[in-house]
Amino acid sequence: MTWGIALSGGGLLGAAHLGVWRALEEWGWEPQSWSGTSAGGLVAALWASGADWKAVERFGQQVALSPRRYFELPWRQLLSACLRHSPVTGIIRPEPFLTDLLKLAAVARMDQIPAPLAVTAVDVANLEAAAFVSRAAPNPPAGKSRWRQIVKAPLRLALHATMATPGVFEAIGDGDSLYVDGGVADTLPADWAWALGVDRVLAIDVTPAPRLPPAQIGLEKLLSRCEHYMTETLSSLREPAPYPLLTLRIPTEQIGMLEFSAYEDLVALGYQVVHDHEAELARFLSDR
């Protein structure tokens, strides 16, 4: 029996994926395929590339302590672009963040990653969903025939594309394509983990969205709730998964997508949820 893991988007809430990674590794449960989008795409790529979760967690702590060091706000360029009526795709440049993050991966291209991996994005220039993959999936998931598979791509391109939250992070261009966050198409791409050749999928969702009074919804919650709604709506239109699927939801309701001070709490939440579901996970991952 083989299994894959799918990691959802969610901005900083994706730090909870690191706690999941740590717990599964401590128990010796290693996925055979990985998929993810946005923050989940970043973690999935590092995990599949063989990075050390301890080093990734330390890097996350550095980012949480000094976010301005890693995310640039090019106000002068933005103002100039607006005055000249030039297109602007986001208010934050993630270049410093990506430069340091990629040092943890030890590979430069998607096709150099030894494990089956899919990182999703959306090409808004061509209105086409895209999956950056370490190897082509011979049978893409049902209902995703319009997704384009991209194998020989720089890892930097794939990671920038998957994290480019529309209007927040700059979109990334490549030839005739302009990529944004894969959460626009599906913030929990479990089908892609399965398409890469496993029997079942463990999905980790870090963006639960209960009802909230309007006065409590600011920018961070607005972004996470829109992403959650899109995913729920798209999921309702698809056929039930043709494979065993277990979804664990991380209780991040009270934490904002950009609440850097909650980084360690998020990692701990992911770790704790795995421990709370130990028996269920053991049955699911060992069921033949």
Protein backbone atom coordinates (compact mmCIF):
# COMPACT_ATOMS: atom_id res chain seq x y z
CA MET A 1 0.00 0.00 0.00
CA THR A 2 1.34 3.42 -0.96
CA TRP A 3 0.14 6.81 0.10
CA GLY A 4 0.63 10.45 -0.75
CA ILE A 5 0.15 13.70 1.11
CA ALA A 6 -1.59 16.87 -0.07
CA LEU A 7 -0.95 20.19 1.68
CA SER A 8 -3.35 23.10 1.42
CA GLY A 9 -2.65 26.77 0.89
CA GLY A 10 -3.21 29.33 3.61
CA GLY A 11 -0.41 31.88 3.83
CA LEU A 12 1.41 31.76 7.16
CA LEU A 13 -1.15 29.17 8.33
CA GLY A 14 0.91 26.77 6.24
CA ALA A 15 3.42 26.70 9.10
CA ALA A 16 1.13 24.06 10.59
CA HIS A 17 2.28 21.74 7.78
CA LEU A 18 5.73 21.76 9.39
CA GLY A 19 4.28 20.31 12.57
CA VAL A 20 2.59 17.58 10.52
CA TRP A 21 5.88 16.85 8.73
CA ARG A 22 7.72 16.60 12.03
CA ALA A 23 5.18 14.26 13.62
CA LEU A 24 4.95 11.93 10.64
CA GLU A 25 8.73 11.74 10.34
CA GLU A 26 9.09 10.97 14.06
CA TRP A 27 6.74 8.03 13.60
CA GLY A 28 8.52 6.84 10.47
CA TRP A 29 5.54 7.48 8.18
CA GLU A 30 6.99 8.63 4.86
CA PRO A 31 4.70 9.59 1.95
CA GLN A 32 5.40 8.21 -1.51
CA SER A 33 4.06 11.31 -3.30
CA TRP A 34 3.54 14.98 -2.44
CA SER A 35 1.27 17.73 -3.72
CA GLY A 36 0.54 21.22 -2.51
CA THR A 37 -0.39 24.74 -3.39
CA SER A 38 0.66 28.13 -2.05
CA ALA A 39 2.21 27.63 1.41
CA GLY A 40 1.48 23.92 1.11
CA GLY A 41 3.32 23.87 -2.21
CA LEU A 42 6.42 25.35 -0.59
CA VAL A 43 6.44 22.76 2.21
CA ALA A 44 5.63 19.87 -0.15
CA ALA A 45 8.52 20.83 -2.46
CA LEU A 46 11.05 21.03 0.36
CA TRP A 47 9.79 17.81 1.93
CA ALA A 48 9.89 15.89 -1.36
CA SER A 49 13.36 17.26 -2.20
CA GLY A 50 14.78 15.71 0.96
CA ALA A 51 15.19 18.88 3.02
CA ASP A 52 15.56 18.63 6.81
CA TRP A 53 12.36 19.70 8.56
CA LYS A 54 14.42 21.13 11.42
CA ALA A 55 16.25 23.48 9.05
CA VAL A 56 12.97 24.47 7.40
CA GLU A 57 11.39 25.16 10.77
CA ARG A 58 14.37 27.32 11.81
CA PHE A 59 14.09 29.26 8.57
CA GLY A 60 10.40 29.83 9.27
CA GLN A 61 11.28 31.22 12.68
CA GLN A 62 13.70 33.68 11.09
CA VAL A 63 11.02 34.83 8.65
CA ALA A 64 8.46 35.21 11.43
CA LEU A 65 10.87 37.35 13.47
CA SER A 66 11.92 39.59 10.55
CA PRO A 67 9.28 39.48 7.79
CA ARG A 68 10.40 42.83 6.33
CA ARG A 69 13.79 41.30 5.62
CA TYR A 70 12.24 38.68 3.37
CA PHE A 71 9.28 40.43 1.75
CA GLU A 72 9.89 43.67 -0.13
CA LEU A 73 7.31 46.44 -0.47
CA PRO A 74 8.43 48.38 -3.57
CA TRP A 75 6.35 51.49 -2.95
CA ARG A 76 8.25 53.74 -5.37
CA GLN A 77 7.99 51.25 -8.21
CA LEU A 78 4.30 50.69 -7.46
CA LEU A 79 3.58 54.41 -7.42
CA SER A 80 5.49 54.92 -10.65
CA ALA A 81 3.66 52.05 -12.30
CA CYS A 82 0.29 53.42 -11.22
CA LEU A 83 1.09 56.94 -12.46
CA ARG A 84 2.17 55.51 -15.81
CA HIS A 85 -0.84 53.18 -15.91
CA SER A 86 1.45 50.15 -16.10
CA PRO A 87 0.16 46.75 -14.94
CA VAL A 88 0.87 45.90 -11.31
CA THR A 89 0.28 42.32 -10.16
CA GLY A 90 1.03 42.53 -6.44
CA ILE A 91 2.28 44.75 -3.64
CA ILE A 92 4.93 42.38 -2.24
CA ARG A 93 8.07 40.96 -3.86
CA PRO A 94 9.05 37.58 -2.40
CA GLU A 95 12.52 37.48 -3.99
CA PRO A 96 14.62 37.60 -0.76
CA PHE A 97 12.36 34.95 0.79
CA LEU A 98 12.63 32.63 -2.20
CA THR A 99 16.40 33.07 -2.45
CA ASP A 100 16.96 31.84 1.11
CA LEU A 101 14.21 29.21 0.95
CA LEU A 102 15.74 27.58 -2.12
CA LYS A 103 19.01 27.08 -0.26
CA LEU A 104 17.19 24.41 1.78
CA ALA A 105 16.11 22.38 -1.25
CA ALA A 106 19.54 21.31 -2.61
CA VAL A 107 18.11 21.14 -6.16
CA ALA A 108 17.43 23.83 -8.71
CA ARG A 109 14.83 22.20 -10.94
CA MET A 110 11.58 20.33 -10.46
CA ASP A 111 12.82 17.36 -12.52
CA GLN A 112 15.82 16.98 -10.17
CA ILE A 113 13.53 16.16 -7.23
CA PRO A 114 13.72 12.36 -6.81
CA ALA A 115 10.21 11.92 -5.41
CA PRO A 116 6.84 12.34 -7.17
CA LEU A 117 5.75 15.95 -6.57
CA ALA A 118 3.10 18.31 -7.93
CA VAL A 119 3.00 22.04 -7.10
CA THR A 120 -0.02 23.83 -8.53
CA ALA A 121 -0.54 27.31 -9.95
CA VAL A 122 -2.83 29.13 -12.39
CA ASP A 123 -1.73 30.80 -15.63
CA VAL A 124 -3.94 33.89 -15.66
CA ALA A 125 -2.68 35.01 -19.08
CA ASN A 126 -4.05 31.85 -20.71
CA LEU A 127 -6.73 31.06 -18.12
CA GLU A 128 -5.27 27.62 -17.55
CA ALA A 129 -4.44 25.68 -14.41
CA ALA A 130 -0.89 24.34 -14.24
CA ALA A 131 0.85 21.63 -12.25
CA PHE A 132 4.63 21.89 -11.92
CA VAL A 133 5.63 18.26 -11.53
CA SER A 134 8.86 16.38 -10.85
CA ARG A 135 7.66 13.71 -13.28
CA ALA A 136 4.64 13.61 -15.58
CA ALA A 137 1.51 11.93 -14.26
CA PRO A 138 0.48 9.35 -16.89
CA ASN A 139 -3.18 9.63 -15.91
CA PRO A 140 -4.06 13.14 -14.67
CA PRO A 141 -6.99 13.22 -12.25
CA ALA A 142 -10.50 13.04 -13.68
CA GLY A 143 -11.89 16.49 -14.32
CA LYS A 144 -8.43 18.04 -14.63
CA SER A 145 -7.87 17.43 -18.33
CA ARG A 146 -7.41 21.17 -18.84
CA TRP A 147 -4.50 21.31 -16.41
CA ARG A 148 -1.10 21.70 -18.06
CA GLN A 149 1.75 19.60 -16.66
CA ILE A 150 5.16 21.32 -16.57
CA VAL A 151 8.10 19.04 -15.84
CA LYS A 152 11.37 20.75 -16.73
CA ALA A 153 10.90 23.98 -14.80
CA PRO A 154 13.16 25.88 -12.42
CA LEU A 155 12.13 25.20 -8.84
CA ARG A 156 12.18 28.96 -8.21
CA LEU A 157 9.55 29.49 -10.90
CA ALA A 158 7.31 26.76 -9.50
CA LEU A 159 7.52 28.06 -5.93
CA HIS A 160 7.03 31.71 -6.85
CA ALA A 161 4.05 30.74 -9.00
CA THR A 162 2.32 28.66 -6.35
CA MET A 163 2.70 31.32 -3.61
CA ALA A 164 1.68 34.35 -5.71
CA THR A 165 -1.55 35.20 -3.91
CA PRO A 166 -3.42 37.46 -6.37
CA GLY A 167 -3.02 41.13 -5.51
CA VAL A 168 -0.65 40.39 -2.60
CA PHE A 169 2.48 38.76 -4.02
CA GLU A 170 3.69 39.65 -7.50
CA ALA A 171 2.69 37.20 -10.20
CA ILE A 172 5.57 35.54 -12.04
CA GLY A 173 5.88 35.54 -15.81
CA ASP A 174 7.46 32.87 -17.99
CA GLY A 175 7.22 33.26 -21.76
CA ASP A 176 3.56 33.75 -22.67
CA SER A 177 2.38 32.72 -19.19
CA LEU A 178 1.72 34.68 -16.00
CA TYR A 179 1.31 32.53 -12.91
CA VAL A 180 -0.53 33.08 -9.63
CA ASP A 181 -1.37 31.00 -6.55
CA GLY A 182 -2.72 27.54 -7.29
CA GLY A 183 -5.38 28.05 -4.64
CA VAL A 184 -7.38 29.90 -7.30
CA ALA A 185 -8.05 26.47 -8.85
CA ASP A 186 -7.89 24.17 -5.81
CA THR A 187 -6.37 25.00 -2.45
CA LEU A 188 -6.14 21.31 -1.45
CA PRO A 189 -4.89 19.37 -4.52
CA ALA A 190 -5.34 15.84 -3.19
CA ASP A 191 -6.10 14.54 -6.69
CA TRP A 192 -2.58 15.40 -7.79
CA ALA A 193 -0.97 13.43 -4.98
CA TRP A 194 -3.02 10.42 -6.10
CA ALA A 195 -2.29 10.98 -9.81
CA LEU A 196 1.41 10.53 -9.14
CA GLY A 197 0.91 6.82 -8.50
CA VAL A 198 -0.25 6.10 -4.92
CA ASP A 199 -3.21 4.15 -3.53
CA ARG A 200 -4.54 6.68 -1.01
CA VAL A 201 -4.06 10.27 0.11
CA LEU A 202 -3.74 12.05 3.43
CA ALA A 203 -4.85 15.68 2.98
CA ILE A 204 -3.96 18.45 5.42
CA ASP A 205 -6.25 21.50 5.40
CA VAL A 206 -5.03 24.54 7.35
CA THR A 207 -7.85 26.92 6.32
CA PRO A 208 -11.05 26.01 8.17
CA ALA A 209 -13.55 28.85 7.92
CA PRO A 210 -16.47 28.96 10.39
CA ARG A 211 -19.10 31.70 10.20
CA LEU A 212 -17.87 35.07 11.48
CA PRO A 213 -19.49 38.46 12.15
CA PRO A 214 -18.57 40.94 9.37
CA ALA A 215 -16.81 43.20 11.88
CA GLN A 216 -14.24 40.45 12.56
CA ILE A 217 -13.23 39.99 8.92
CA GLY A 218 -10.13 41.98 7.97
CA LEU A 219 -7.71 41.51 5.08
CA GLU A 220 -6.10 38.33 6.41
CA LYS A 221 -9.39 36.55 7.10
CA LEU A 222 -10.87 37.88 3.87
CA LEU A 223 -8.10 36.21 1.86
CA SER A 224 -8.30 32.89 3.70
CA ARG A 225 -12.11 32.76 3.56
CA CYS A 226 -12.23 33.54 -0.17
CA GLU A 227 -9.71 30.78 -0.83
CA HIS A 228 -11.68 28.38 1.36
CA TYR A 229 -14.95 29.24 -0.39
CA MET A 230 -13.47 28.72 -3.85
CA THR A 231 -12.16 25.31 -2.84
CA GLU A 232 -15.42 24.22 -1.24
CA THR A 233 -17.39 25.33 -4.29
CA LEU A 234 -15.08 23.57 -6.75
CA SER A 235 -15.05 20.44 -4.60
CA SER A 236 -18.85 20.29 -4.61
CA LEU A 237 -18.82 20.16 -8.43
CA ARG A 238 -16.42 17.23 -8.65
CA GLU A 239 -17.14 13.55 -8.41
CA PRO A 240 -16.22 11.86 -5.11
CA ALA A 241 -12.56 10.91 -4.90
CA PRO A 242 -11.97 7.52 -6.59
CA TYR A 243 -9.43 6.63 -3.91
CA PRO A 244 -9.31 6.44 -0.10
CA LEU A 245 -8.93 9.97 1.27
CA LEU A 246 -8.41 11.12 4.84
CA THR A 247 -8.54 14.85 5.51
CA LEU A 248 -7.18 16.34 8.72
CA ARG A 249 -8.22 19.92 9.44
CA ILE A 250 -5.94 22.09 11.54
CA PRO A 251 -7.90 24.43 13.91
CA THR A 252 -6.42 27.77 12.78
CA GLU A 253 -9.67 29.76 12.93
CA GLN A 254 -8.33 32.38 15.35
CA ILE A 255 -5.05 33.01 13.50
CA GLY A 256 -4.57 35.35 10.54
CA MET A 257 -2.80 34.39 7.30
CA LEU A 258 -0.17 37.06 8.00
CA GLU A 259 0.02 36.75 11.80
CA PHE A 260 3.76 36.08 12.06
CA SER A 261 3.75 36.18 15.87
CA ALA A 262 1.71 32.94 15.84
CA TYR A 263 4.29 30.95 13.88
CA GLU A 264 5.35 28.59 16.70
CA ASP A 265 1.72 28.09 17.75
CA LEU A 266 0.87 27.01 14.21
CA VAL A 267 3.70 24.48 14.07
CA ALA A 268 2.55 23.10 17.41
CA LEU A 269 -1.06 22.87 16.18
CA GLY A 270 -0.07 20.75 13.19
CA TYR A 271 2.03 18.48 15.38
CA GLN A 272 -0.76 18.08 17.94
CA VAL A 273 -3.46 17.25 15.38
CA VAL A 274 -1.36 14.37 14.04
CA HIS A 275 -0.90 13.05 17.58
CA ASP A 276 -4.62 13.44 18.31
CA HIS A 277 -5.40 11.27 15.26
CA GLU A 278 -2.64 8.71 15.77
CA ALA A 279 -4.92 5.68 15.85
CA GLU A 280 -6.97 6.83 12.85
CA LEU A 281 -3.81 7.56 10.87
CA ALA A 282 -2.29 4.19 11.74
CA ARG A 283 -5.39 2.41 10.43
CA PHE A 284 -5.60 4.52 7.29
CA LEU A 285 -1.93 4.28 6.36
CA SER A 286 -1.65 0.57 7.06
CA ASP A 287 -5.04 -0.56 5.71
CA ARG A 288 -4.53 -3.00 2.85
